[in-house]
Amino acid sequence: MSAAADTAQVQIPLVTGGVDTHQLTHHAALLDSELNQIADREFAATSTGYQELVDWMAGYGRIAVVGVESTGSYGAGLTRHLLAAGIEVVEVSGPEKATRVKQGKSDPIDAYCAARQVATGAVTGRAKVTTGIVEAIRMIKIPRDAAVRDRTRAYSQLRDLITTAPAPIHDELIAMTGHQRARRAAAYRPDPNRIHEPLQAAKQALRALAHRIGDLDAEIAAADKTLNTLTKQAVPSLLAMRQVGPQTSAQLLITAGENIDRMRTEATFAKLVGVAPLPASSGKTRRHRLNRGGDRHANSAL
């Protein structure tokens, strides 16, 4: 009885999947072990659609691996679902230019190309796991970094307004630091009955910018407090290093991913963060240059 079951298991065909992801729908395709096209179909980009996609693939055989485009954006939900189902996921890029020229562009073509990249070993990078603390850190860091950029712009706008403001405001604020300017401008009380006058309009505009800066300061401080707690929990040894703070630790964590074992060597990580040497030799000259690819945010953090 057991031998018969083992024989039946061996006879189940092995299939490789590929998925072209979009915001509302995903298009999946299947190849057999000989790289022959089996079938393709579109699914909704929802939890129900993800399960239908898995069931559909499993109906053609045992799923070896699935290549998914944009695992960190459009394909993030599907990737989580596949990994939870015990299916290996490899991140793939779009078809090469030669493929576009020969075959054109369509969702089925892209899906089959994704499956072919995985089946032939052209791509082997495992997708990030996004169900743990690293994903939580990424979620908190995105609006925090946006708030920092917005605050910088607000300070620049404050400076520019002061530069061109009427003399009473210009002379009072021009020599102050950015923080001092924002604090003073926040205390302005423009006269609504004289808002047509440049002096009162300047007070209102500067007061609005100062309040925006204050709100962004509070938002950034709250995010930093959360990131400090999360990074201490995730990588206390990294934070213990000299001159390594929560922001640097958070970015390196986000780049590496929860399942850092997907990077098999230090060289893999070096290439990911843009510090791997590349040969740049010519003739009798033998030298290397720094790889400028990879994640530039991680490179900056490193």
Protein backbone atom coordinates (compact mmCIF):
# COMPACT_ATOMS: atom_id res chain seq x y z
CA MET A 1 0.00 0.00 0.00
CA SER A 2 2.82 2.38 0.91
CA ALA A 3 4.79 1.45 -2.22
CA ALA A 4 1.77 2.19 -4.41
CA ALA A 5 1.36 5.57 -2.76
CA ASP A 6 5.04 6.35 -3.35
CA THR A 7 4.67 5.38 -7.02
CA ALA A 8 1.64 7.65 -7.41
CA GLN A 9 3.61 10.51 -5.83
CA VAL A 10 6.48 10.03 -8.28
CA GLN A 11 4.11 10.10 -11.26
CA ILE A 12 2.70 13.52 -10.39
CA PRO A 13 4.16 15.95 -12.96
CA LEU A 14 6.35 18.79 -11.79
CA VAL A 15 5.30 22.27 -12.91
CA THR A 16 6.89 25.72 -12.69
CA GLY A 17 4.78 28.82 -12.35
CA GLY A 18 5.26 32.42 -13.38
CA VAL A 19 3.14 35.42 -12.46
CA ASP A 20 2.90 38.85 -14.07
CA THR A 21 1.56 41.05 -11.27
CA HIS A 22 -0.63 44.15 -11.41
CA GLN A 23 -2.52 46.21 -8.85
CA LEU A 24 -5.94 44.61 -9.43
CA THR A 25 -5.18 41.36 -11.26
CA HIS A 26 -2.37 38.83 -11.64
CA HIS A 27 -1.74 36.69 -14.72
CA ALA A 28 -0.27 33.25 -14.04
CA ALA A 29 1.30 30.75 -16.41
CA LEU A 30 2.64 27.20 -16.10
CA LEU A 31 5.48 25.28 -17.74
CA ASP A 32 6.16 21.55 -17.56
CA SER A 33 9.56 20.03 -16.83
CA GLU A 34 10.45 20.28 -20.54
CA LEU A 35 9.67 24.02 -20.60
CA ASN A 36 6.52 23.45 -22.65
CA GLN A 37 3.64 25.85 -22.05
CA ILE A 38 0.75 24.25 -20.18
CA ALA A 39 -1.80 26.97 -19.52
CA ASP A 40 -2.25 30.55 -18.36
CA ARG A 41 -5.05 32.41 -16.59
CA GLU A 42 -5.88 35.72 -14.90
CA PHE A 43 -6.79 35.98 -11.21
CA ALA A 44 -8.00 38.77 -8.94
CA ALA A 45 -5.33 40.30 -6.70
CA THR A 46 -7.21 39.40 -3.52
CA SER A 47 -6.93 36.70 -0.86
CA THR A 48 -9.59 34.68 -2.66
CA GLY A 49 -7.81 35.15 -5.97
CA TYR A 50 -4.48 34.04 -4.49
CA GLN A 51 -6.01 30.79 -3.25
CA GLU A 52 -7.70 30.20 -6.62
CA LEU A 53 -4.31 30.69 -8.29
CA VAL A 54 -2.66 28.12 -6.01
CA ASP A 55 -5.48 25.61 -6.53
CA TRP A 56 -5.34 26.14 -10.29
CA MET A 57 -1.58 25.52 -10.42
CA ALA A 58 -1.83 22.48 -8.17
CA GLY A 59 -4.43 21.04 -10.53
CA TYR A 60 -1.73 20.56 -13.16
CA GLY A 61 0.88 18.92 -10.95
CA ARG A 62 3.28 19.45 -8.07
CA ILE A 63 4.45 23.07 -7.94
CA ALA A 64 8.26 23.20 -7.97
CA VAL A 65 8.68 26.96 -7.70
CA VAL A 66 6.88 30.13 -8.75
CA GLY A 67 8.52 33.18 -10.27
CA VAL A 68 6.75 36.39 -9.25
CA GLU A 69 7.32 39.90 -10.54
CA SER A 70 7.42 42.85 -8.10
CA THR A 71 7.37 40.77 -4.90
CA GLY A 72 7.84 43.95 -2.86
CA SER A 73 4.94 45.87 -4.41
CA TYR A 74 2.17 44.52 -6.65
CA GLY A 75 3.17 40.93 -5.90
CA ALA A 76 3.64 41.32 -2.12
CA GLY A 77 0.27 39.85 -1.12
CA LEU A 78 0.58 36.90 -3.49
CA THR A 79 4.14 36.24 -2.33
CA ARG A 80 3.01 36.08 1.32
CA HIS A 81 0.21 33.69 0.36
CA LEU A 82 2.50 31.39 -1.63
CA LEU A 83 5.15 31.26 1.11
CA ALA A 84 2.47 30.52 3.72
CA ALA A 85 1.35 27.62 1.53
CA GLY A 86 4.90 26.22 1.56
CA ILE A 87 5.63 27.14 -2.07
CA GLU A 88 9.07 28.50 -2.94
CA VAL A 89 8.97 31.96 -4.54
CA VAL A 90 11.71 33.51 -6.66
CA GLU A 91 11.67 37.18 -7.58
CA VAL A 92 11.92 37.78 -11.32
CA SER A 93 12.33 40.87 -13.45
CA GLY A 94 10.47 41.76 -16.61
CA PRO A 95 11.32 40.10 -19.92
CA GLU A 96 14.56 41.08 -21.57
CA LYS A 97 14.56 43.45 -24.52
CA ALA A 98 15.22 40.60 -26.95
CA THR A 99 12.08 38.83 -25.76
CA ARG A 100 10.03 42.00 -26.22
CA VAL A 101 11.34 42.39 -29.78
CA LYS A 102 10.62 38.78 -30.78
CA GLN A 103 7.37 38.10 -28.92
CA GLY A 104 5.87 41.48 -28.13
CA LYS A 105 4.22 42.48 -24.85
CA SER A 106 1.21 40.92 -23.13
CA ASP A 107 0.35 39.56 -19.70
CA PRO A 108 0.56 35.89 -20.82
CA ILE A 109 3.95 36.50 -22.49
CA ASP A 110 5.29 38.14 -19.33
CA ALA A 111 3.92 35.35 -17.12
CA TYR A 112 5.47 32.60 -19.26
CA CYS A 113 8.74 34.55 -19.33
CA ALA A 114 8.71 34.71 -15.52
CA ALA A 115 8.23 30.95 -15.31
CA ARG A 116 10.98 30.35 -17.88
CA GLN A 117 13.48 32.53 -16.01
CA VAL A 118 12.99 30.40 -12.91
CA ALA A 119 12.86 27.02 -14.66
CA THR A 120 16.13 27.65 -16.53
CA GLY A 121 17.92 29.02 -13.47
CA ALA A 122 18.36 32.47 -15.04
CA VAL A 123 17.14 33.96 -11.73
CA THR A 124 17.54 32.35 -8.32
CA GLY A 125 16.93 35.13 -5.80
CA ARG A 126 14.40 34.02 -3.22
CA ALA A 127 11.68 36.49 -2.34
CA LYS A 128 11.76 38.32 0.98
CA VAL A 129 9.58 37.13 3.83
CA THR A 130 7.28 40.03 4.77
CA THR A 131 5.39 38.63 7.73
CA GLY A 132 7.70 39.59 10.61
CA ILE A 133 9.32 42.46 12.44
CA VAL A 134 11.38 43.60 9.45
CA GLU A 135 8.21 44.31 7.50
CA ALA A 136 6.86 46.24 10.49
CA ILE A 137 10.05 48.33 10.48
CA ARG A 138 9.68 48.99 6.74
CA MET A 139 6.08 50.13 7.21
CA ILE A 140 7.04 52.60 9.95
CA LYS A 141 10.09 53.91 8.09
CA ILE A 142 8.31 54.81 4.83
CA PRO A 143 6.12 57.64 6.21
CA ARG A 144 8.89 58.67 8.61
CA ASP A 145 11.33 59.27 5.76
CA ALA A 146 8.64 61.10 3.79
CA ALA A 147 8.00 63.33 6.81
CA VAL A 148 11.72 64.18 7.00
CA ARG A 149 11.71 65.21 3.35
CA ASP A 150 8.54 67.27 3.84
CA ARG A 151 10.07 69.00 6.86
CA THR A 152 13.17 69.90 4.89
CA ARG A 153 11.01 71.40 2.16
CA ALA A 154 8.97 73.33 4.74
CA TYR A 155 12.13 74.82 6.25
CA SER A 156 13.29 75.85 2.76
CA GLN A 157 9.95 77.49 2.05
CA LEU A 158 10.13 79.27 5.41
CA ARG A 159 13.58 80.60 4.54
CA ASP A 160 12.49 81.76 1.08
CA LEU A 161 9.43 83.56 2.42
CA ILE A 162 11.51 85.34 5.06
CA THR A 163 14.03 86.41 2.41
CA THR A 164 11.33 88.22 0.42
CA ALA A 165 9.08 89.26 3.33
CA PRO A 166 8.39 92.89 4.29
CA ALA A 167 11.13 94.55 6.34
CA PRO A 168 9.60 94.09 9.84
CA ILE A 169 9.51 90.30 9.38
CA HIS A 170 12.68 90.02 7.33
CA ASP A 171 14.79 91.99 9.79
CA GLU A 172 13.44 90.07 12.77
CA LEU A 173 13.90 86.54 11.42
CA ILE A 174 16.71 86.62 8.88
CA ALA A 175 19.54 86.13 11.38
CA MET A 176 17.81 83.32 13.31
CA THR A 177 18.34 79.57 12.94
CA GLY A 178 15.66 77.47 11.25
CA HIS A 179 14.31 76.22 14.56
CA GLN A 180 14.20 79.74 16.00
CA ARG A 181 12.40 81.03 12.93
CA ALA A 182 9.76 78.31 13.14
CA ARG A 183 9.16 78.93 16.84
CA ARG A 184 8.82 82.69 16.33
CA ALA A 185 6.62 82.35 13.24
CA ALA A 186 4.29 79.96 15.07
CA ALA A 187 3.51 82.80 17.50
CA TYR A 188 2.43 85.25 14.79
CA ARG A 189 -1.20 86.43 14.91
CA PRO A 190 -2.11 87.91 11.52
CA ASP A 191 -5.02 90.36 11.36
CA PRO A 192 -7.75 88.72 9.23
CA ASN A 193 -9.21 92.12 8.40
CA ARG A 194 -5.92 93.24 6.85
CA ILE A 195 -4.92 89.99 5.14
CA HIS A 196 -4.74 91.89 1.82
CA GLU A 197 -1.59 93.57 3.12
CA PRO A 198 1.71 91.73 2.34
CA LEU A 199 2.84 92.01 5.98
CA GLN A 200 -0.25 90.21 7.32
CA ALA A 201 -0.22 87.68 4.47
CA ALA A 202 3.42 86.91 5.24
CA LYS A 203 2.58 86.34 8.90
CA GLN A 204 -0.21 83.92 7.99
CA ALA A 205 1.96 82.00 5.51
CA LEU A 206 4.90 81.75 7.90
CA ARG A 207 2.62 80.70 10.76
CA ALA A 208 1.15 77.93 8.58
CA LEU A 209 4.60 76.66 7.66
CA ALA A 210 5.74 76.78 11.28
CA HIS A 211 2.75 74.72 12.40
CA ARG A 212 3.42 72.23 9.59
CA ILE A 213 7.02 71.88 10.80
CA GLY A 214 5.80 71.32 14.34
CA ASP A 215 3.39 68.60 13.23
CA LEU A 216 6.14 66.90 11.22
CA ASP A 217 8.53 67.11 14.18
CA ALA A 218 5.98 65.26 16.32
CA GLU A 219 5.37 62.65 13.61
CA ILE A 220 9.09 62.00 13.14
CA ALA A 221 9.73 61.77 16.87
CA ALA A 222 6.94 59.20 17.31
CA ALA A 223 8.24 57.12 14.40
CA ASP A 224 11.82 57.28 15.72
CA LYS A 225 10.65 56.05 19.11
CA THR A 226 8.92 53.07 17.50
CA LEU A 227 11.90 52.29 15.25
CA ASN A 228 14.25 52.44 18.20
CA THR A 229 12.15 49.85 20.03
CA LEU A 230 11.80 47.57 17.01
CA THR A 231 15.47 47.65 15.98
CA LYS A 232 16.59 46.94 19.56
CA GLN A 233 14.37 43.88 19.46
CA ALA A 234 15.48 42.76 16.00
CA VAL A 235 19.24 43.50 15.92
CA PRO A 236 20.59 44.50 19.33
CA SER A 237 24.14 43.51 18.34
CA LEU A 238 24.08 45.81 15.31
CA LEU A 239 22.81 48.73 17.38
CA ALA A 240 25.58 48.10 19.91
CA MET A 241 28.21 48.95 17.28
CA ARG A 242 29.82 52.39 17.39
CA GLN A 243 27.97 55.11 15.46
CA VAL A 244 25.19 52.76 14.34
CA GLY A 245 21.73 54.10 15.15
CA PRO A 246 18.12 53.00 14.57
CA GLN A 247 17.89 54.53 11.08
CA THR A 248 21.00 52.80 9.77
CA SER A 249 19.98 49.51 11.37
CA ALA A 250 16.44 49.80 10.02
CA GLN A 251 17.59 50.39 6.44
CA LEU A 252 20.07 47.50 6.46
CA LEU A 253 17.37 45.25 7.90
CA ILE A 254 14.86 46.28 5.25
CA THR A 255 17.35 45.64 2.47
CA ALA A 256 18.47 42.27 3.81
CA GLY A 257 14.96 41.06 4.62
CA GLU A 258 13.55 38.82 7.32
CA ASN A 259 14.94 35.65 5.71
CA ILE A 260 18.52 36.86 5.49
CA ASP A 261 19.63 33.27 4.82
CA ARG A 262 18.48 33.80 1.22
CA MET A 263 21.84 35.57 0.77
CA ARG A 264 24.20 32.64 0.83
CA THR A 265 27.50 34.55 1.09
CA GLU A 266 28.90 37.90 2.19
CA ALA A 267 29.58 38.58 -1.49
CA THR A 268 25.86 38.39 -2.19
CA PHE A 269 25.18 41.02 0.46
CA ALA A 270 28.04 43.18 -0.85
CA LYS A 271 26.51 43.14 -4.33
CA LEU A 272 23.08 43.94 -2.90
CA VAL A 273 24.32 47.10 -1.16
CA GLY A 274 26.59 48.22 -3.99
CA VAL A 275 30.04 47.58 -2.51
CA ALA A 276 31.14 44.53 -4.49
CA PRO A 277 34.25 44.86 -6.69
CA LEU A 278 33.78 44.53 -10.44
CA PRO A 279 36.60 43.86 -12.90
CA ALA A 280 37.53 46.94 -14.94
CA SER A 281 40.68 45.71 -16.66
CA SER A 282 41.94 46.61 -20.10
CA GLY A 283 45.05 45.33 -21.86
CA LYS A 284 47.90 45.08 -19.38
CA THR A 285 46.01 47.08 -16.75
CA ARG A 286 44.44 44.95 -14.04
CA ARG A 287 42.11 46.75 -11.72
CA HIS A 288 38.63 46.69 -10.19
CA ARG A 289 35.95 49.31 -9.63
CA LEU A 290 33.11 49.52 -7.13
CA ASN A 291 29.77 48.12 -8.18
CA ARG A 292 27.34 51.09 -8.33
CA GLY A 293 24.28 48.88 -8.56
CA GLY A 294 22.24 47.47 -5.71
CA ASP A 295 20.12 49.29 -3.15
CA ARG A 296 21.36 52.88 -2.93
CA HIS A 297 19.56 53.49 0.36
CA ALA A 298 21.40 50.52 1.88
CA ASN A 299 24.65 51.75 0.37
CA SER A 300 24.12 55.12 2.03
CA ALA A 301 23.37 53.44 5.36
CA LEU A 302 26.48 51.26 5.08
